[in-house]
Amino acid sequence: MEDKRLKEIYRKSIHIGSLILPFSYRYLFHFNRKHTFLFLVPITLIFLIIEVVRMEHRTFKRFFYNIFGIMLRKHEMHDFTGATYLFISTIICIAVFPRNIAFLSLSFLAIGDTFAAIVGIIFGKRKLLGTKKSLEGSIACFISSFIFALFYINPAIAFLGAFSATIAEFSRIPVDDNIKIPLLAGVVMSVFSIFV
């Protein structure tokens, strides 16, 4: 059990590195979708090809698990990895949402999901609505996302975005976190921004 907790903390420590995607979109590509997609789309296609080959080719599957097995969750043995879902959701968010909202939605995934997991593993005592997620982890998700968003957007939109990301993080919707967190947060912020 302790090994499982350490593995999850290790995964989430790496997960915070996914901030490189929204930060590259904002600060490296200066919100230029064309240039961002020229970078993202080929990488995503490579990830998808690797995923298909991994699931179909036994030798490559063993090779893949020998290198990345320590970071994989059980369900990722027979499904796409979180990294592939991350690149897919990044493309969707940048294509669909206003640029600042796409940036924040993807940042919520890296920041909120990481804090939720680490705080939940270390301090989590109270489970939420029959899920495996803890109240402590969800509070950490919300606070970290909200504080980060305050530097970039209207406080009301920051609040709703962080709140919706938190709801997505602990929900039992059978969709990978790397998809549902940024998409739900992005939809909520986009709709609300119309009225602000």
N, C-alpha and C. Protein backbone atom coordinates (compact mmCIF):
# COMPACT_ATOMS: atom_id res chain seq x y z
N MET A 1 0.84 -1.20 0.00
CA MET A 1 0.00 0.00 0.00
C MET A 1 0.88 1.26 0.00
N GLU A 2 1.93 1.23 0.79
CA GLU A 2 2.85 2.37 0.86
C GLU A 2 3.52 2.60 -0.50
N ASP A 3 3.89 1.49 -1.18
CA ASP A 3 4.49 1.60 -2.51
C ASP A 3 3.53 2.25 -3.49
N LYS A 4 2.26 1.91 -3.36
CA LYS A 4 1.23 2.47 -4.25
C LYS A 4 1.10 3.97 -4.03
N ARG A 5 1.13 4.39 -2.77
CA ARG A 5 1.03 5.82 -2.45
C ARG A 5 2.25 6.57 -2.97
N LEU A 6 3.43 6.01 -2.80
CA LEU A 6 4.65 6.65 -3.28
C LEU A 6 4.66 6.74 -4.81
N LYS A 7 4.15 5.70 -5.46
CA LYS A 7 4.07 5.69 -6.92
C LYS A 7 3.16 6.81 -7.40
N GLU A 8 2.03 6.99 -6.72
CA GLU A 8 1.08 8.03 -7.12
C GLU A 8 1.66 9.43 -6.89
N ILE A 9 2.36 9.62 -5.78
CA ILE A 9 3.00 10.91 -5.52
C ILE A 9 4.07 11.18 -6.59
N TYR A 10 4.81 10.15 -6.96
CA TYR A 10 5.82 10.28 -8.01
C TYR A 10 5.19 10.67 -9.34
N ARG A 11 4.07 9.99 -9.68
CA ARG A 11 3.34 10.30 -10.92
C ARG A 11 2.90 11.76 -10.93
N LYS A 12 2.33 12.20 -9.83
CA LYS A 12 1.80 13.57 -9.78
C LYS A 12 2.90 14.62 -9.74
N SER A 13 4.04 14.26 -9.19
CA SER A 13 5.17 15.18 -9.22
C SER A 13 5.62 15.42 -10.66
N ILE A 14 5.55 14.38 -11.47
CA ILE A 14 5.87 14.52 -12.90
C ILE A 14 4.74 15.26 -13.61
N HIS A 15 3.51 15.01 -13.15
CA HIS A 15 2.32 15.59 -13.78
C HIS A 15 2.37 17.12 -13.77
N ILE A 16 2.95 17.69 -12.73
CA ILE A 16 3.04 19.16 -12.66
C ILE A 16 3.86 19.69 -13.84
N GLY A 17 4.72 18.84 -14.39
CA GLY A 17 5.51 19.23 -15.55
C GLY A 17 4.68 19.47 -16.80
N SER A 18 3.43 19.00 -16.78
CA SER A 18 2.57 19.23 -17.95
C SER A 18 2.20 20.70 -18.09
N LEU A 19 2.57 21.52 -17.11
CA LEU A 19 2.41 22.98 -17.24
C LEU A 19 3.18 23.51 -18.45
N ILE A 20 4.13 22.73 -18.93
CA ILE A 20 4.91 23.17 -20.09
C ILE A 20 4.01 23.41 -21.30
N LEU A 21 2.89 22.68 -21.39
CA LEU A 21 2.01 22.83 -22.55
C LEU A 21 1.26 24.16 -22.53
N PRO A 22 0.49 24.48 -21.47
CA PRO A 22 -0.16 25.80 -21.48
C PRO A 22 0.82 26.97 -21.44
N PHE A 23 1.94 26.80 -20.74
CA PHE A 23 2.92 27.88 -20.67
C PHE A 23 3.60 28.10 -22.02
N SER A 24 3.82 27.03 -22.78
CA SER A 24 4.38 27.18 -24.13
C SER A 24 3.39 27.89 -25.03
N TYR A 25 2.11 27.52 -24.92
CA TYR A 25 1.07 28.17 -25.72
C TYR A 25 1.04 29.67 -25.45
N ARG A 26 1.17 30.05 -24.19
CA ARG A 26 1.08 31.47 -23.81
C ARG A 26 2.38 32.24 -24.05
N TYR A 27 3.48 31.70 -23.57
CA TYR A 27 4.72 32.47 -23.54
C TYR A 27 5.71 32.16 -24.66
N LEU A 28 5.64 30.95 -25.20
CA LEU A 28 6.55 30.60 -26.30
C LEU A 28 5.90 30.90 -27.66
N PHE A 29 4.64 30.48 -27.81
CA PHE A 29 3.94 30.68 -29.09
C PHE A 29 3.04 31.92 -29.08
N HIS A 30 2.96 32.59 -27.93
CA HIS A 30 2.19 33.84 -27.81
C HIS A 30 0.76 33.69 -28.32
N PHE A 31 0.13 32.59 -27.93
CA PHE A 31 -1.27 32.29 -28.26
C PHE A 31 -1.50 32.11 -29.77
N ASN A 32 -0.46 31.83 -30.51
CA ASN A 32 -0.60 31.58 -31.94
C ASN A 32 -1.00 30.11 -32.14
N ARG A 33 -2.26 29.89 -32.50
CA ARG A 33 -2.76 28.51 -32.63
C ARG A 33 -2.04 27.74 -33.72
N LYS A 34 -1.79 28.39 -34.85
CA LYS A 34 -1.14 27.70 -35.97
C LYS A 34 0.23 27.15 -35.55
N HIS A 35 1.05 27.98 -34.94
CA HIS A 35 2.39 27.55 -34.52
C HIS A 35 2.31 26.49 -33.41
N THR A 36 1.34 26.67 -32.51
CA THR A 36 1.17 25.70 -31.43
C THR A 36 0.78 24.34 -31.99
N PHE A 37 -0.13 24.33 -32.97
CA PHE A 37 -0.57 23.06 -33.56
C PHE A 37 0.53 22.40 -34.38
N LEU A 38 1.39 23.21 -35.00
CA LEU A 38 2.52 22.64 -35.74
C LEU A 38 3.45 21.88 -34.80
N PHE A 39 3.46 22.29 -33.53
CA PHE A 39 4.24 21.61 -32.50
C PHE A 39 3.47 20.42 -31.91
N LEU A 40 2.18 20.65 -31.58
CA LEU A 40 1.39 19.66 -30.84
C LEU A 40 0.90 18.48 -31.67
N VAL A 41 0.41 18.76 -32.88
CA VAL A 41 -0.23 17.70 -33.66
C VAL A 41 0.73 16.56 -34.00
N PRO A 42 1.94 16.83 -34.48
CA PRO A 42 2.85 15.71 -34.75
C PRO A 42 3.17 14.88 -33.50
N ILE A 43 3.37 15.55 -32.38
CA ILE A 43 3.66 14.82 -31.13
C ILE A 43 2.47 13.95 -30.75
N THR A 44 1.27 14.48 -30.86
CA THR A 44 0.06 13.72 -30.52
C THR A 44 -0.09 12.52 -31.43
N LEU A 45 0.18 12.69 -32.71
CA LEU A 45 0.10 11.56 -33.65
C LEU A 45 1.12 10.48 -33.31
N ILE A 46 2.31 10.90 -32.92
CA ILE A 46 3.34 9.93 -32.50
C ILE A 46 2.87 9.15 -31.28
N PHE A 47 2.30 9.87 -30.31
CA PHE A 47 1.77 9.21 -29.11
C PHE A 47 0.68 8.20 -29.48
N LEU A 48 -0.22 8.58 -30.38
CA LEU A 48 -1.31 7.69 -30.78
C LEU A 48 -0.78 6.44 -31.49
N ILE A 49 0.22 6.61 -32.33
CA ILE A 49 0.82 5.47 -33.02
C ILE A 49 1.47 4.53 -32.01
N ILE A 50 2.21 5.10 -31.07
CA ILE A 50 2.84 4.28 -30.03
C ILE A 50 1.79 3.51 -29.23
N GLU A 51 0.68 4.18 -28.90
CA GLU A 51 -0.39 3.53 -28.13
C GLU A 51 -0.96 2.33 -28.90
N VAL A 52 -1.23 2.52 -30.18
CA VAL A 52 -1.82 1.44 -30.99
C VAL A 52 -0.84 0.28 -31.11
N VAL A 53 0.42 0.60 -31.39
CA VAL A 53 1.44 -0.46 -31.51
C VAL A 53 1.61 -1.18 -30.18
N ARG A 54 1.61 -0.41 -29.09
CA ARG A 54 1.77 -1.00 -27.75
C ARG A 54 0.66 -2.01 -27.45
N MET A 55 -0.56 -1.69 -27.85
CA MET A 55 -1.69 -2.58 -27.55
C MET A 55 -1.79 -3.77 -28.50
N GLU A 56 -1.15 -3.66 -29.66
CA GLU A 56 -1.27 -4.72 -30.66
C GLU A 56 -0.03 -5.61 -30.76
N HIS A 57 1.12 -5.10 -30.37
CA HIS A 57 2.38 -5.82 -30.57
C HIS A 57 2.96 -6.24 -29.22
N ARG A 58 3.01 -7.52 -28.97
CA ARG A 58 3.39 -8.04 -27.66
C ARG A 58 4.82 -7.68 -27.26
N THR A 59 5.76 -7.77 -28.19
CA THR A 59 7.15 -7.48 -27.87
C THR A 59 7.33 -6.00 -27.52
N PHE A 60 6.70 -5.14 -28.33
CA PHE A 60 6.80 -3.71 -28.05
C PHE A 60 6.12 -3.37 -26.72
N LYS A 61 5.04 -4.08 -26.42
CA LYS A 61 4.33 -3.86 -25.15
C LYS A 61 5.26 -4.14 -23.98
N ARG A 62 6.00 -5.24 -24.03
CA ARG A 62 6.94 -5.56 -22.95
C ARG A 62 8.03 -4.50 -22.85
N PHE A 63 8.56 -4.08 -23.98
CA PHE A 63 9.58 -3.03 -24.02
C PHE A 63 9.05 -1.74 -23.40
N PHE A 64 7.83 -1.37 -23.76
CA PHE A 64 7.21 -0.15 -23.26
C PHE A 64 7.03 -0.21 -21.74
N TYR A 65 6.54 -1.35 -21.24
CA TYR A 65 6.30 -1.51 -19.81
C TYR A 65 7.60 -1.54 -19.00
N ASN A 66 8.66 -2.08 -19.60
CA ASN A 66 9.96 -2.09 -18.91
C ASN A 66 10.46 -0.67 -18.65
N ILE A 67 10.14 0.24 -19.57
CA ILE A 67 10.61 1.62 -19.43
C ILE A 67 9.64 2.46 -18.60
N PHE A 68 8.33 2.36 -18.93
CA PHE A 68 7.35 3.28 -18.35
C PHE A 68 6.40 2.62 -17.34
N GLY A 69 6.57 1.33 -17.11
CA GLY A 69 5.63 0.59 -16.25
C GLY A 69 5.45 1.18 -14.87
N ILE A 70 6.52 1.75 -14.30
CA ILE A 70 6.44 2.29 -12.94
C ILE A 70 5.46 3.46 -12.85
N MET A 71 5.23 4.15 -13.98
CA MET A 71 4.35 5.32 -13.96
C MET A 71 2.92 5.00 -14.36
N LEU A 72 2.67 3.78 -14.85
CA LEU A 72 1.35 3.46 -15.37
C LEU A 72 0.39 2.98 -14.28
N ARG A 73 -0.85 3.40 -14.40
CA ARG A 73 -1.90 2.85 -13.55
C ARG A 73 -2.41 1.57 -14.18
N LYS A 74 -3.17 0.81 -13.40
CA LYS A 74 -3.63 -0.49 -13.86
C LYS A 74 -4.45 -0.39 -15.14
N HIS A 75 -5.38 0.59 -15.19
CA HIS A 75 -6.25 0.69 -16.36
C HIS A 75 -5.49 1.14 -17.62
N GLU A 76 -4.31 1.75 -17.42
CA GLU A 76 -3.53 2.20 -18.57
C GLU A 76 -2.81 1.05 -19.28
N MET A 77 -2.85 -0.13 -18.68
CA MET A 77 -2.26 -1.29 -19.33
C MET A 77 -3.04 -1.66 -20.60
N HIS A 78 -4.35 -1.34 -20.60
CA HIS A 78 -5.22 -1.72 -21.72
C HIS A 78 -5.94 -0.52 -22.33
N ASP A 79 -5.47 0.67 -22.01
CA ASP A 79 -6.10 1.90 -22.50
C ASP A 79 -4.99 2.89 -22.81
N PHE A 80 -5.37 4.03 -23.41
CA PHE A 80 -4.38 5.07 -23.64
C PHE A 80 -3.82 5.54 -22.30
N THR A 81 -2.58 6.00 -22.33
CA THR A 81 -1.98 6.54 -21.11
C THR A 81 -2.50 7.96 -20.88
N GLY A 82 -2.32 8.44 -19.66
CA GLY A 82 -2.73 9.80 -19.34
C GLY A 82 -2.02 10.82 -20.21
N ALA A 83 -0.77 10.56 -20.60
CA ALA A 83 -0.01 11.49 -21.43
C ALA A 83 -0.68 11.69 -22.79
N THR A 84 -1.17 10.62 -23.37
CA THR A 84 -1.85 10.73 -24.67
C THR A 84 -3.14 11.52 -24.53
N TYR A 85 -3.90 11.23 -23.48
CA TYR A 85 -5.12 12.01 -23.24
C TYR A 85 -4.80 13.48 -23.00
N LEU A 86 -3.69 13.74 -22.36
CA LEU A 86 -3.28 15.12 -22.10
C LEU A 86 -3.06 15.88 -23.41
N PHE A 87 -2.36 15.28 -24.35
CA PHE A 87 -2.11 15.95 -25.63
C PHE A 87 -3.40 16.13 -26.42
N ILE A 88 -4.29 15.15 -26.35
CA ILE A 88 -5.58 15.26 -27.04
C ILE A 88 -6.39 16.42 -26.46
N SER A 89 -6.47 16.49 -25.13
CA SER A 89 -7.25 17.56 -24.50
C SER A 89 -6.62 18.93 -24.74
N THR A 90 -5.29 18.98 -24.83
CA THR A 90 -4.61 20.25 -25.10
C THR A 90 -5.02 20.77 -26.48
N ILE A 91 -5.03 19.90 -27.47
CA ILE A 91 -5.45 20.30 -28.81
C ILE A 91 -6.90 20.77 -28.81
N ILE A 92 -7.78 20.02 -28.14
CA ILE A 92 -9.19 20.40 -28.10
C ILE A 92 -9.37 21.76 -27.43
N CYS A 93 -8.75 21.95 -26.27
CA CYS A 93 -8.90 23.21 -25.53
C CYS A 93 -8.43 24.40 -26.34
N ILE A 94 -7.27 24.27 -26.97
CA ILE A 94 -6.73 25.39 -27.74
C ILE A 94 -7.58 25.66 -28.97
N ALA A 95 -8.14 24.61 -29.57
CA ALA A 95 -8.97 24.77 -30.76
C ALA A 95 -10.33 25.40 -30.44
N VAL A 96 -10.87 25.10 -29.26
CA VAL A 96 -12.25 25.45 -28.95
C VAL A 96 -12.40 26.69 -28.07
N PHE A 97 -11.55 26.85 -27.07
CA PHE A 97 -11.77 27.89 -26.07
C PHE A 97 -10.99 29.17 -26.40
N PRO A 98 -11.48 30.32 -25.88
CA PRO A 98 -10.69 31.56 -25.96
C PRO A 98 -9.31 31.31 -25.35
N ARG A 99 -8.32 32.03 -25.86
CA ARG A 99 -6.94 31.67 -25.55
C ARG A 99 -6.61 31.67 -24.06
N ASN A 100 -7.07 32.67 -23.31
CA ASN A 100 -6.75 32.72 -21.89
C ASN A 100 -7.46 31.61 -21.12
N ILE A 101 -8.66 31.26 -21.56
CA ILE A 101 -9.41 30.19 -20.92
C ILE A 101 -8.79 28.83 -21.22
N ALA A 102 -8.32 28.65 -22.45
CA ALA A 102 -7.60 27.41 -22.77
C ALA A 102 -6.35 27.28 -21.91
N PHE A 103 -5.63 28.37 -21.77
CA PHE A 103 -4.42 28.38 -20.93
C PHE A 103 -4.75 27.98 -19.49
N LEU A 104 -5.80 28.58 -18.91
CA LEU A 104 -6.15 28.28 -17.52
C LEU A 104 -6.70 26.87 -17.36
N SER A 105 -7.52 26.43 -18.28
CA SER A 105 -8.10 25.08 -18.19
C SER A 105 -7.01 24.01 -18.13
N LEU A 106 -6.01 24.16 -18.98
CA LEU A 106 -4.91 23.20 -19.01
C LEU A 106 -4.02 23.34 -17.77
N SER A 107 -3.89 24.57 -17.28
CA SER A 107 -3.11 24.80 -16.06
C SER A 107 -3.81 24.19 -14.84
N PHE A 108 -5.15 24.28 -14.80
CA PHE A 108 -5.90 23.66 -13.70
C PHE A 108 -5.62 22.17 -13.63
N LEU A 109 -5.52 21.55 -14.81
CA LEU A 109 -5.24 20.11 -14.85
C LEU A 109 -3.89 19.82 -14.20
N ALA A 110 -2.87 20.57 -14.57
CA ALA A 110 -1.53 20.33 -14.03
C ALA A 110 -1.44 20.67 -12.55
N ILE A 111 -1.99 21.82 -12.17
CA ILE A 111 -1.85 22.29 -10.79
C ILE A 111 -2.86 21.64 -9.85
N GLY A 112 -4.15 21.78 -10.19
CA GLY A 112 -5.20 21.28 -9.30
C GLY A 112 -5.17 19.78 -9.10
N ASP A 113 -5.01 19.05 -10.19
CA ASP A 113 -4.99 17.58 -10.11
C ASP A 113 -3.79 17.10 -9.30
N THR A 114 -2.65 17.78 -9.47
CA THR A 114 -1.45 17.40 -8.72
C THR A 114 -1.63 17.66 -7.22
N PHE A 115 -2.09 18.85 -6.87
CA PHE A 115 -2.29 19.17 -5.45
C PHE A 115 -3.36 18.29 -4.83
N ALA A 116 -4.42 17.99 -5.58
CA ALA A 116 -5.48 17.12 -5.07
C ALA A 116 -4.92 15.75 -4.70
N ALA A 117 -4.11 15.21 -5.58
CA ALA A 117 -3.57 13.86 -5.34
C ALA A 117 -2.58 13.85 -4.19
N ILE A 118 -1.64 14.77 -4.19
CA ILE A 118 -0.59 14.75 -3.16
C ILE A 118 -1.17 15.04 -1.78
N VAL A 119 -2.01 16.08 -1.68
CA VAL A 119 -2.63 16.40 -0.39
C VAL A 119 -3.58 15.28 0.04
N GLY A 120 -4.33 14.74 -0.92
CA GLY A 120 -5.25 13.65 -0.61
C GLY A 120 -4.54 12.41 -0.09
N ILE A 121 -3.42 12.08 -0.71
CA ILE A 121 -2.65 10.90 -0.29
C ILE A 121 -2.06 11.10 1.11
N ILE A 122 -1.53 12.28 1.36
CA ILE A 122 -0.84 12.52 2.64
C ILE A 122 -1.80 12.85 3.77
N PHE A 123 -2.81 13.70 3.50
CA PHE A 123 -3.68 14.20 4.57
C PHE A 123 -5.14 13.76 4.45
N GLY A 124 -5.50 13.12 3.34
CA GLY A 124 -6.90 12.81 3.09
C GLY A 124 -7.51 11.83 4.09
N LYS A 125 -8.55 12.27 4.76
CA LYS A 125 -9.25 11.42 5.74
C LYS A 125 -10.73 11.25 5.39
N ARG A 126 -11.34 12.32 4.87
CA ARG A 126 -12.80 12.32 4.63
C ARG A 126 -13.07 12.08 3.16
N LYS A 127 -13.73 10.96 2.83
CA LYS A 127 -14.04 10.64 1.45
C LYS A 127 -15.27 11.40 0.99
N LEU A 128 -15.27 11.78 -0.29
CA LEU A 128 -16.35 12.59 -0.86
C LEU A 128 -17.38 11.75 -1.58
N LEU A 129 -18.60 11.81 -1.13
CA LEU A 129 -19.75 11.23 -1.83
C LEU A 129 -19.51 9.80 -2.32
N GLY A 130 -18.89 9.00 -1.48
CA GLY A 130 -18.68 7.60 -1.82
C GLY A 130 -17.58 7.35 -2.85
N THR A 131 -16.78 8.37 -3.16
CA THR A 131 -15.69 8.20 -4.11
C THR A 131 -14.40 7.89 -3.34
N LYS A 132 -13.33 7.65 -4.08
CA LYS A 132 -12.02 7.44 -3.45
C LYS A 132 -11.33 8.77 -3.19
N LYS A 133 -11.92 9.85 -3.66
CA LYS A 133 -11.33 11.18 -3.50
C LYS A 133 -11.63 11.72 -2.11
N SER A 134 -10.69 12.53 -1.59
CA SER A 134 -10.87 13.07 -0.24
C SER A 134 -11.27 14.54 -0.28
N LEU A 135 -11.95 14.97 0.78
CA LEU A 135 -12.32 16.37 0.92
C LEU A 135 -11.06 17.24 0.95
N GLU A 136 -10.05 16.78 1.65
CA GLU A 136 -8.80 17.54 1.77
C GLU A 136 -8.14 17.74 0.39
N GLY A 137 -8.13 16.67 -0.40
CA GLY A 137 -7.56 16.76 -1.74
C GLY A 137 -8.35 17.71 -2.63
N SER A 138 -9.66 17.66 -2.53
CA SER A 138 -10.51 18.54 -3.35
C SER A 138 -10.34 20.00 -2.96
N ILE A 139 -10.22 20.26 -1.67
CA ILE A 139 -9.98 21.64 -1.21
C ILE A 139 -8.64 22.14 -1.76
N ALA A 140 -7.62 21.28 -1.74
CA ALA A 140 -6.31 21.64 -2.29
C ALA A 140 -6.39 21.92 -3.78
N CYS A 141 -7.17 21.12 -4.48
CA CYS A 141 -7.37 21.32 -5.92
C CYS A 141 -7.98 22.69 -6.18
N PHE A 142 -9.05 23.00 -5.44
CA PHE A 142 -9.74 24.27 -5.64
C PHE A 142 -8.85 25.47 -5.30
N ILE A 143 -8.24 25.44 -4.12
CA ILE A 143 -7.44 26.59 -3.67
C ILE A 143 -6.26 26.85 -4.61
N SER A 144 -5.54 25.80 -4.98
CA SER A 144 -4.37 25.98 -5.85
C SER A 144 -4.78 26.50 -7.22
N SER A 145 -5.87 25.97 -7.77
CA SER A 145 -6.35 26.41 -9.09
C SER A 145 -6.85 27.86 -9.03
N PHE A 146 -7.60 28.17 -7.98
CA PHE A 146 -8.19 29.51 -7.83
C PHE A 146 -7.10 30.57 -7.68
N ILE A 147 -6.14 30.31 -6.81
CA ILE A 147 -5.05 31.29 -6.60
C ILE A 147 -4.27 31.51 -7.90
N PHE A 148 -3.98 30.43 -8.60
CA PHE A 148 -3.25 30.55 -9.86
C PHE A 148 -4.05 31.40 -10.86
N ALA A 149 -5.35 31.13 -10.98
CA ALA A 149 -6.19 31.82 -11.96
C ALA A 149 -6.33 33.30 -11.67
N LEU A 150 -6.26 33.68 -10.40
CA LEU A 150 -6.41 35.09 -10.02
C LEU A 150 -5.36 35.99 -10.67
N PHE A 151 -4.22 35.40 -11.03
CA PHE A 151 -3.16 36.19 -11.68
C PHE A 151 -3.48 36.50 -13.14
N TYR A 152 -4.49 35.80 -13.70
CA TYR A 152 -4.72 35.89 -15.13
C TYR A 152 -6.13 36.31 -15.56
N ILE A 153 -7.10 36.23 -14.65
CA ILE A 153 -8.48 36.42 -15.11
C ILE A 153 -9.34 37.00 -14.00
N ASN A 154 -10.50 37.50 -14.38
CA ASN A 154 -11.50 38.03 -13.45
C ASN A 154 -11.73 37.07 -12.29
N PRO A 155 -11.79 37.57 -11.04
CA PRO A 155 -11.95 36.68 -9.87
C PRO A 155 -13.18 35.77 -9.93
N ALA A 156 -14.29 36.28 -10.45
CA ALA A 156 -15.50 35.44 -10.54
C ALA A 156 -15.30 34.28 -11.50
N ILE A 157 -14.67 34.56 -12.64
CA ILE A 157 -14.40 33.48 -13.60
C ILE A 157 -13.36 32.52 -13.03
N ALA A 158 -12.37 33.08 -12.33
CA ALA A 158 -11.35 32.23 -11.68
C ALA A 158 -12.01 31.28 -10.69
N PHE A 159 -12.95 31.81 -9.91
CA PHE A 159 -13.64 30.99 -8.91
C PHE A 159 -14.42 29.86 -9.59
N LEU A 160 -15.21 30.21 -10.60
CA LEU A 160 -16.04 29.20 -11.28
C LEU A 160 -15.18 28.18 -12.01
N GLY A 161 -14.09 28.63 -12.61
CA GLY A 161 -13.20 27.70 -13.30
C GLY A 161 -12.56 26.72 -12.33
N ALA A 162 -12.05 27.24 -11.22
CA ALA A 162 -11.42 26.38 -10.21
C ALA A 162 -12.44 25.42 -9.60
N PHE A 163 -13.64 25.94 -9.36
CA PHE A 163 -14.69 25.11 -8.76
C PHE A 163 -15.09 23.98 -9.72
N SER A 164 -15.28 24.30 -10.99
CA SER A 164 -15.68 23.27 -11.96
C SER A 164 -14.56 22.25 -12.19
N ALA A 165 -13.30 22.71 -12.16
CA ALA A 165 -12.17 21.77 -12.27
C ALA A 165 -12.16 20.82 -11.09
N THR A 166 -12.48 21.33 -9.91
CA THR A 166 -12.52 20.51 -8.70
C THR A 166 -13.65 19.48 -8.78
N ILE A 167 -14.82 19.91 -9.24
CA ILE A 167 -15.95 18.99 -9.42
C ILE A 167 -15.57 17.87 -10.38
N ALA A 168 -14.94 18.24 -11.50
CA ALA A 168 -14.52 17.25 -12.49
C ALA A 168 -13.50 16.28 -11.90
N GLU A 169 -12.58 16.81 -11.08
CA GLU A 169 -11.51 15.99 -10.51
C GLU A 169 -12.05 14.89 -9.61
N PHE A 170 -13.06 15.20 -8.78
CA PHE A 170 -13.53 14.15 -7.87
C PHE A 170 -14.77 13.41 -8.39
N SER A 171 -15.29 13.81 -9.54
CA SER A 171 -16.48 13.15 -10.07
C SER A 171 -16.17 11.73 -10.53
N ARG A 172 -17.22 10.92 -10.59
CA ARG A 172 -17.07 9.54 -11.04
C ARG A 172 -17.40 9.38 -12.52
N ILE A 173 -17.43 10.48 -13.25
CA ILE A 173 -17.66 10.39 -14.70
C ILE A 173 -16.55 9.55 -15.31
N PRO A 174 -16.91 8.48 -16.04
CA PRO A 174 -15.89 7.54 -16.54
C PRO A 174 -15.10 8.07 -17.73
N VAL A 175 -14.47 9.21 -17.53
CA VAL A 175 -13.62 9.83 -18.56
C VAL A 175 -12.31 10.19 -17.88
N ASP A 176 -11.22 10.04 -18.57
CA ASP A 176 -9.90 10.34 -18.00
C ASP A 176 -9.86 11.78 -17.49
N ASP A 177 -9.22 11.97 -16.32
CA ASP A 177 -9.09 13.31 -15.72
C ASP A 177 -8.46 14.32 -16.68
N ASN A 178 -7.53 13.84 -17.49
CA ASN A 178 -6.83 14.73 -18.41
C ASN A 178 -7.75 15.29 -19.51
N ILE A 179 -8.91 14.67 -19.65
CA ILE A 179 -9.92 15.16 -20.58
C ILE A 179 -10.98 15.97 -19.84
N LYS A 180 -11.55 15.38 -18.78
CA LYS A 180 -12.72 16.01 -18.16
C LYS A 180 -12.40 17.27 -17.37
N ILE A 181 -11.24 17.35 -16.73
CA ILE A 181 -10.92 18.55 -15.93
C ILE A 181 -10.79 19.79 -16.82
N PRO A 182 -9.92 19.79 -17.83
CA PRO A 182 -9.81 21.02 -18.63
C PRO A 182 -11.05 21.33 -19.45
N LEU A 183 -11.74 20.30 -19.95
CA LEU A 183 -12.91 20.57 -20.79
C LEU A 183 -14.07 21.15 -19.98
N LEU A 184 -14.34 20.59 -18.80
CA LEU A 184 -15.42 21.13 -17.98
C LEU A 184 -15.09 22.55 -17.52
N ALA A 185 -13.87 22.76 -17.04
CA ALA A 185 -13.46 24.09 -16.60
C ALA A 185 -13.53 25.08 -17.76
N GLY A 186 -13.11 24.66 -18.93
CA GLY A 186 -13.12 25.54 -20.10
C GLY A 186 -14.52 25.91 -20.53
N VAL A 187 -15.43 24.95 -20.52
CA VAL A 187 -16.82 25.23 -20.90
C VAL A 187 -17.45 26.20 -19.92
N VAL A 188 -17.29 25.95 -18.63
CA VAL A 188 -17.89 26.82 -17.60
C VAL A 188 -17.34 28.24 -17.70
N MET A 189 -16.02 28.38 -17.81
CA MET A 189 -15.44 29.72 -17.90
C MET A 189 -15.84 30.44 -19.19
N SER A 190 -15.91 29.68 -20.30
CA SER A 190 -16.30 30.30 -21.56
C SER A 190 -17.72 30.82 -21.52
N VAL A 191 -18.63 30.02 -20.98
CA VAL A 191 -20.04 30.45 -20.89
C VAL A 191 -20.17 31.64 -19.96
N PHE A 192 -19.54 31.57 -18.79
CA PHE A 192 -19.69 32.64 -17.82
C PHE A 192 -19.05 33.94 -18.30
N SER A 193 -17.95 33.83 -19.06
CA SER A 193 -17.24 35.02 -19.54
C SER A 193 -18.10 35.86 -20.49
N ILE A 194 -19.10 35.25 -21.08
CA ILE A 194 -20.02 35.99 -21.98
C ILE A 194 -20.76 37.07 -21.20
N PHE A 195 -21.02 36.79 -19.91
CA PHE A 195 -21.84 37.69 -19.11
C PHE A 195 -21.02 38.62 -18.22
N VAL A 196 -19.71 38.51 -18.28
CA VAL A 196 -18.87 39.35 -17.41
C VAL A 196 -18.17 40.44 -18.23
